[in-house]
Amino acid sequence: MIGLKPFDPAGIMLLAALNPAVIAVAYLMGRKADQWQKLPVAAFAASLAGFALVWIATWLRIVPAKGLGGEAGLFLAQCVFGLAWAAIGYRLGPRGPAG
């Protein structure tokens, strides 16, 4: 079990950076994006997916709910990391006319 202190900035950043839902959703949506302007949308969607995964983990008591704190900071950090993953997916995605 992860032992997080109430509002632990390092723990929040670690949780945001290593959230598999954020990584997968942002990368896949970035890969499918045909314009760079769609990357913030991918980051926002990835942050929502990541927050849902954290909520499920707290509901299942994998992550203690009392030890998290700073949920808005977690959402924002996931957005930032999601933007980075979406940009990586966009850069590595297929280019050329849609077929």
Protein backbone atom coordinates (compact mmCIF):
# COMPACT_ATOMS: atom_id res chain seq x y z
CA MET A 1 0.00 0.00 0.00
CA ILE A 2 1.22 3.49 -0.80
CA GLY A 3 1.72 5.58 2.31
CA LEU A 4 1.05 9.18 1.32
CA LYS A 5 1.05 12.06 3.79
CA PRO A 6 -1.71 14.67 3.55
CA PHE A 7 -0.81 16.96 0.66
CA ASP A 8 2.55 15.48 -0.20
CA PRO A 9 3.70 17.40 -3.32
CA ALA A 10 6.34 14.80 -4.21
CA GLY A 11 3.79 11.99 -3.86
CA ILE A 12 1.26 13.85 -5.99
CA MET A 13 3.85 14.46 -8.72
CA LEU A 14 4.93 10.82 -8.62
CA LEU A 15 1.33 9.63 -8.78
CA ALA A 16 0.62 11.96 -11.72
CA ALA A 17 3.79 11.01 -13.60
CA LEU A 18 3.34 7.24 -13.26
CA ASN A 19 -0.42 6.98 -13.70
CA PRO A 20 -0.90 4.37 -16.44
CA ALA A 21 -4.29 5.77 -17.49
CA VAL A 22 -2.76 9.20 -18.14
CA ILE A 23 0.10 7.71 -20.13
CA ALA A 24 -2.06 5.42 -22.26
CA VAL A 25 -4.89 7.85 -23.02
CA ALA A 26 -2.63 10.83 -23.74
CA TYR A 27 -0.22 8.87 -25.91
CA LEU A 28 -2.96 7.19 -27.95
CA MET A 29 -4.97 10.38 -28.41
CA GLY A 30 -1.82 12.30 -29.31
CA ARG A 31 -0.94 9.62 -31.85
CA LYS A 32 -4.33 10.00 -33.52
CA ALA A 33 -4.29 13.81 -33.49
CA ASP A 34 -3.94 15.41 -36.91
CA GLN A 35 -3.25 18.93 -35.54
CA TRP A 36 -1.13 20.02 -32.59
CA GLN A 37 -4.06 22.10 -31.30
CA LYS A 38 -5.78 18.86 -30.26
CA LEU A 39 -3.04 17.99 -27.78
CA PRO A 40 -4.51 20.01 -24.86
CA VAL A 41 -7.80 18.17 -25.36
CA ALA A 42 -5.92 14.87 -25.22
CA ALA A 43 -4.15 16.01 -22.05
CA PHE A 44 -7.46 16.98 -20.42
CA ALA A 45 -9.08 13.66 -21.35
CA ALA A 46 -6.05 11.78 -20.06
CA SER A 47 -6.22 13.71 -16.79
CA LEU A 48 -9.89 12.77 -16.41
CA ALA A 49 -9.07 9.11 -17.07
CA GLY A 50 -6.19 9.25 -14.62
CA PHE A 51 -8.34 10.86 -11.96
CA ALA A 52 -10.98 8.16 -12.47
CA LEU A 53 -8.27 5.51 -11.98
CA VAL A 54 -7.11 7.20 -8.76
CA TRP A 55 -10.72 7.38 -7.56
CA ILE A 56 -11.19 3.66 -8.22
CA ALA A 57 -7.92 2.90 -6.42
CA THR A 58 -9.06 4.86 -3.37
CA TRP A 59 -12.48 3.20 -3.49
CA LEU A 60 -10.78 -0.21 -3.51
CA ARG A 61 -8.50 1.04 -0.70
CA ILE A 62 -5.33 0.52 -2.72
CA VAL A 63 -4.45 4.19 -2.14
CA PRO A 64 -5.61 5.64 1.21
CA ALA A 65 -8.12 8.46 0.66
CA LYS A 66 -7.13 10.33 3.83
CA GLY A 67 -3.51 10.51 2.73
CA LEU A 68 -3.95 12.06 -0.68
CA GLY A 69 -5.15 15.66 -0.40
CA GLY A 70 -4.53 18.21 -3.13
CA GLU A 71 -6.84 16.62 -5.68
CA ALA A 72 -6.89 19.76 -7.81
CA GLY A 73 -3.10 19.69 -7.87
CA LEU A 74 -3.18 16.05 -8.91
CA PHE A 75 -5.57 16.86 -11.76
CA LEU A 76 -3.36 19.74 -12.92
CA ALA A 77 -0.17 17.71 -12.69
CA GLN A 78 -1.79 14.89 -14.66
CA CYS A 79 -2.78 17.47 -17.30
CA VAL A 80 0.83 18.63 -17.60
CA PHE A 81 2.20 15.09 -17.83
CA GLY A 82 -0.66 14.18 -20.20
CA LEU A 83 0.33 17.05 -22.48
CA ALA A 84 3.89 15.72 -22.56
CA TRP A 85 2.72 12.19 -23.40
CA ALA A 86 0.31 13.50 -26.03
CA ALA A 87 3.13 15.47 -27.64
CA ILE A 88 5.28 12.32 -27.73
CA GLY A 89 2.41 10.40 -29.33
CA TYR A 90 1.82 13.22 -31.81
CA ARG A 91 5.49 13.28 -32.76
CA LEU A 92 5.65 9.49 -33.22
CA GLY A 93 2.24 9.19 -34.86
CA PRO A 94 1.63 8.47 -38.52
CA ARG A 95 1.88 11.38 -40.91
CA GLY A 96 0.45 11.83 -44.35
CA PRO A 97 -3.01 11.87 -45.91
CA ALA A 98 -5.70 9.99 -44.05
CA GLY A 99 -6.68 6.87 -45.84
